[in-house]
């Protein structure tokens, strides 16, 4: 009797294991939201590679890297706290946030600085590839200046495969309702381009609330 009971339990376990098994295959990274593959980002639970690196800032530079898809579907915009589907390009927004905060910190610490607009480095390896994957790297250096020349705010104006709308960005900054640009003066870099097609102007200025 005991043997029959154990055999019954053993057969039930085999049936259960077979029914829970599934086909295995190679994971793919994608961003259209049309499938649900095993996720690449375990924190956000998204079905594609999207690694938004936290920029590193020292007293001499800020640098960082984004790795993942170039574009995402609209369903993921809110979850990733973006304002569009161009997730890779929007890493510039994060870099500007960190650079602006670092400039303010340096000003507060009497380490008066500005971004060296002539020595910014950026690359977009993999962009426009068939795999919808890019590694976007940015390096933004500082240099010490007299207090009167110190900068305390930073932004960008960019585009993929087209010239950025610089005049509009300049107007939006200078005539912001918050009056953030002291003396309505902006310092703007040359147009930086990567061989894959990303174009960026980098912009700095003295913030009205900081430079007195």
Protein backbone atom coordinates (compact mmCIF):
# COMPACT_ATOMS: atom_id res chain seq x y z
CA UNK A 1 0.00 0.00 0.00
CA UNK A 2 2.79 2.39 0.90
CA UNK A 3 4.62 1.58 -2.35
CA UNK A 4 1.52 2.40 -4.41
CA UNK A 5 1.12 5.75 -2.61
CA UNK A 6 4.74 6.70 -3.26
CA UNK A 7 4.44 5.76 -6.93
CA UNK A 8 1.35 7.95 -7.23
CA UNK A 9 3.15 10.95 -5.69
CA UNK A 10 6.19 10.37 -7.94
CA UNK A 11 4.03 10.31 -11.10
CA UNK A 12 2.23 13.49 -10.06
CA UNK A 13 5.54 15.31 -9.58
CA UNK A 14 6.73 14.26 -13.06
CA UNK A 15 3.49 15.51 -14.66
CA UNK A 16 3.78 18.83 -12.79
CA UNK A 17 7.38 19.43 -13.90
CA UNK A 18 6.57 18.68 -17.54
CA UNK A 19 3.55 21.01 -17.57
CA UNK A 20 5.59 23.95 -16.11
CA UNK A 21 8.46 23.56 -18.56
CA UNK A 22 8.75 25.84 -21.56
CA UNK A 23 10.76 26.28 -24.68
CA UNK A 24 13.95 28.19 -24.22
CA UNK A 25 15.51 30.48 -26.75
CA UNK A 26 17.96 33.30 -27.16
CA UNK A 27 16.89 36.58 -25.52
CA UNK A 28 16.42 39.57 -27.80
CA UNK A 29 16.48 43.27 -27.01
CA UNK A 30 13.65 45.28 -28.55
CA UNK A 31 11.68 48.41 -27.86
CA UNK A 32 8.38 48.20 -29.69
CA UNK A 33 6.53 46.58 -26.78
CA UNK A 34 4.95 44.01 -29.09
CA UNK A 35 6.41 41.03 -27.21
CA UNK A 36 7.33 40.12 -23.67
CA UNK A 37 10.79 38.61 -23.61
CA UNK A 38 12.84 38.15 -20.42
CA UNK A 39 13.81 41.63 -19.32
CA UNK A 40 17.30 43.10 -19.43
CA UNK A 41 16.70 45.66 -16.68
CA UNK A 42 15.59 43.95 -13.48
CA UNK A 43 14.94 47.20 -11.63
CA UNK A 44 12.45 48.80 -14.00
CA UNK A 45 11.19 45.49 -15.44
CA UNK A 46 11.38 46.58 -19.05
CA UNK A 47 11.78 44.13 -21.96
CA UNK A 48 14.81 45.76 -23.56
CA UNK A 49 18.29 47.00 -22.71
CA UNK A 50 18.17 50.51 -21.29
CA UNK A 51 21.03 51.31 -18.93
CA UNK A 52 20.95 55.00 -18.03
CA UNK A 53 24.25 55.44 -16.27
CA UNK A 54 24.50 57.95 -13.43
CA UNK A 55 26.96 60.65 -14.51
CA UNK A 56 30.17 60.92 -12.50
CA UNK A 57 31.27 64.44 -11.58
CA UNK A 58 34.61 65.52 -10.15
CA UNK A 59 35.99 69.01 -9.65
CA UNK A 60 37.50 68.79 -13.14
CA UNK A 61 34.83 67.10 -15.29
CA UNK A 62 31.53 65.23 -15.61
CA UNK A 63 31.23 62.10 -17.71
CA UNK A 64 28.75 59.32 -18.28
CA UNK A 65 27.36 56.70 -20.64
CA UNK A 66 24.02 55.40 -21.83
CA UNK A 67 23.79 51.84 -23.17
CA UNK A 68 20.75 50.41 -24.86
CA UNK A 69 18.11 50.99 -27.50
CA UNK A 70 18.00 54.25 -29.43
CA UNK A 71 14.20 54.53 -29.29
CA UNK A 72 11.44 53.13 -27.10
CA UNK A 73 7.68 52.82 -27.54
CA UNK A 74 5.48 55.50 -25.95
CA UNK A 75 4.19 53.07 -23.31
CA UNK A 76 7.55 53.28 -21.50
CA UNK A 77 7.98 57.08 -21.48
CA UNK A 78 6.47 57.63 -18.03
CA UNK A 79 8.20 54.64 -16.46
CA UNK A 80 11.60 55.92 -17.58
CA UNK A 81 10.73 59.57 -16.75
CA UNK A 82 11.36 60.79 -20.27
CA UNK A 83 9.63 63.40 -22.44
CA UNK A 84 9.92 61.48 -25.70
CA UNK A 85 10.82 58.18 -27.31
CA UNK A 86 14.44 59.08 -28.15
CA UNK A 87 15.80 57.55 -24.96
CA UNK A 88 19.46 57.52 -26.03
CA UNK A 89 19.55 61.17 -27.08
CA UNK A 90 17.80 62.21 -23.88
CA UNK A 91 20.86 61.15 -21.93
CA UNK A 92 22.10 64.63 -22.84
CA UNK A 93 19.36 65.99 -20.55
CA UNK A 94 20.69 64.00 -17.62
CA UNK A 95 24.26 65.10 -18.31
CA UNK A 96 23.18 68.75 -18.38
CA UNK A 97 21.37 68.34 -15.06
CA UNK A 98 24.50 66.95 -13.39
CA UNK A 99 26.85 69.46 -15.00
CA UNK A 100 24.61 72.36 -13.95
CA UNK A 101 24.46 71.09 -10.38
CA UNK A 102 28.24 70.60 -10.28
CA UNK A 103 28.89 74.13 -11.56
CA UNK A 104 26.70 75.48 -8.77
CA UNK A 105 28.53 73.38 -6.19
CA UNK A 106 31.90 74.59 -7.44
CA UNK A 107 30.67 78.17 -7.27
CA UNK A 108 29.42 77.65 -3.72
CA UNK A 109 32.80 76.16 -2.76
CA UNK A 110 34.63 79.14 -4.30
CA UNK A 111 36.13 76.85 -6.97
CA UNK A 112 34.84 79.13 -9.70
CA UNK A 113 34.61 77.24 -12.98
CA UNK A 114 33.13 77.05 -16.44
CA UNK A 115 32.78 74.25 -18.97
CA UNK A 116 35.62 74.13 -21.46
CA UNK A 117 33.34 74.14 -24.50
CA UNK A 118 36.25 73.39 -26.86
CA UNK A 119 37.17 70.08 -25.21
CA UNK A 120 33.84 68.29 -24.87
CA UNK A 121 33.93 64.72 -26.17
CA UNK A 122 30.96 62.62 -27.27
CA UNK A 123 30.51 59.37 -29.19
CA UNK A 124 27.56 57.22 -30.28
CA UNK A 125 28.93 53.82 -31.21
CA UNK A 126 26.35 51.52 -32.75
CA UNK A 127 23.90 54.27 -33.61
CA UNK A 128 21.85 53.60 -36.77
CA UNK A 129 22.72 49.93 -36.55
CA UNK A 130 20.23 47.18 -37.36
CA UNK A 131 20.08 46.14 -33.71
CA UNK A 132 18.61 49.44 -32.42
CA UNK A 133 21.47 49.66 -29.90
CA UNK A 134 23.87 52.47 -29.04
CA UNK A 135 26.53 53.36 -26.50
CA UNK A 136 26.39 57.12 -26.02
CA UNK A 137 29.40 58.48 -24.12
CA UNK A 138 29.87 62.10 -23.04
CA UNK A 139 32.79 63.85 -21.36
CA UNK A 140 32.40 67.50 -20.25
CA UNK A 141 35.50 69.15 -18.70
CA UNK A 142 35.75 72.21 -16.45
CA UNK A 143 38.40 74.86 -16.07
CA UNK A 144 38.97 77.38 -13.29
CA UNK A 145 38.15 81.02 -13.96
CA UNK A 146 37.79 84.25 -11.95
CA UNK A 147 34.53 84.59 -10.06
CA UNK A 148 33.19 87.11 -12.56
CA UNK A 149 33.53 84.52 -15.35
CA UNK A 150 32.13 81.52 -13.47
CA UNK A 151 29.15 79.66 -14.95
CA UNK A 152 26.31 78.17 -12.93
CA UNK A 153 23.93 76.65 -15.51
CA UNK A 154 24.23 74.25 -18.44
CA UNK A 155 22.01 72.92 -21.23
CA UNK A 156 22.12 71.50 -24.75
CA UNK A 157 20.35 71.70 -28.08
CA UNK A 158 20.55 68.59 -30.22
CA UNK A 159 19.11 66.46 -32.96
CA UNK A 160 19.54 63.14 -34.76
CA UNK A 161 20.33 63.45 -38.44
CA UNK A 162 19.31 67.10 -38.60
CA UNK A 163 20.66 70.44 -37.44
CA UNK A 164 19.40 71.37 -33.95
CA UNK A 165 16.90 74.22 -33.54
CA UNK A 166 19.38 76.49 -31.81
CA UNK A 167 17.53 79.78 -32.28
CA UNK A 168 14.43 78.39 -30.61
CA UNK A 169 16.42 77.03 -27.68
CA UNK A 170 18.21 80.35 -27.24
CA UNK A 171 14.87 82.19 -27.23
CA UNK A 172 13.34 79.75 -24.72
CA UNK A 173 16.28 80.17 -22.33
CA UNK A 174 16.75 83.92 -22.61
CA UNK A 175 13.04 84.74 -22.36
CA UNK A 176 12.16 82.11 -19.77
CA UNK A 177 9.43 83.34 -17.39
CA UNK A 178 11.79 82.50 -14.51
CA UNK A 179 14.44 84.87 -15.91
CA UNK A 180 17.22 82.33 -15.39
CA UNK A 181 19.83 83.87 -17.72
CA UNK A 182 21.80 86.74 -16.25
CA UNK A 183 22.06 89.70 -18.64
CA UNK A 184 20.45 87.50 -21.32
CA UNK A 185 23.87 86.19 -22.33
CA UNK A 186 24.61 82.62 -23.37
CA UNK A 187 27.92 80.91 -24.17
CA UNK A 188 27.44 78.31 -26.93
CA UNK A 189 29.81 75.63 -28.20
CA UNK A 190 30.54 74.77 -31.78
CA UNK A 191 28.23 72.19 -33.34
CA UNK A 192 29.49 68.77 -32.21
CA UNK A 193 28.72 65.83 -34.50
CA UNK A 194 29.27 62.11 -34.21
CA UNK A 195 29.89 60.02 -37.32
CA UNK A 196 26.62 58.20 -36.66
CA UNK A 197 24.58 61.42 -36.93
CA UNK A 198 24.04 62.91 -33.46
CA UNK A 199 24.45 66.70 -33.41
CA UNK A 200 24.72 68.81 -30.27
CA UNK A 201 25.26 72.40 -29.24
CA UNK A 202 26.25 72.73 -25.58
CA UNK A 203 25.19 75.91 -23.77
CA UNK A 204 26.30 77.50 -20.50
CA UNK A 205 25.43 80.71 -18.72
CA UNK A 206 25.43 82.58 -15.45
CA UNK A 207 22.24 81.82 -13.56
CA UNK A 208 20.41 84.89 -12.27
CA UNK A 209 19.85 83.28 -8.87
CA UNK A 210 23.54 82.43 -8.38
CA UNK A 211 25.80 84.98 -10.06
CA UNK A 212 25.45 88.30 -8.28
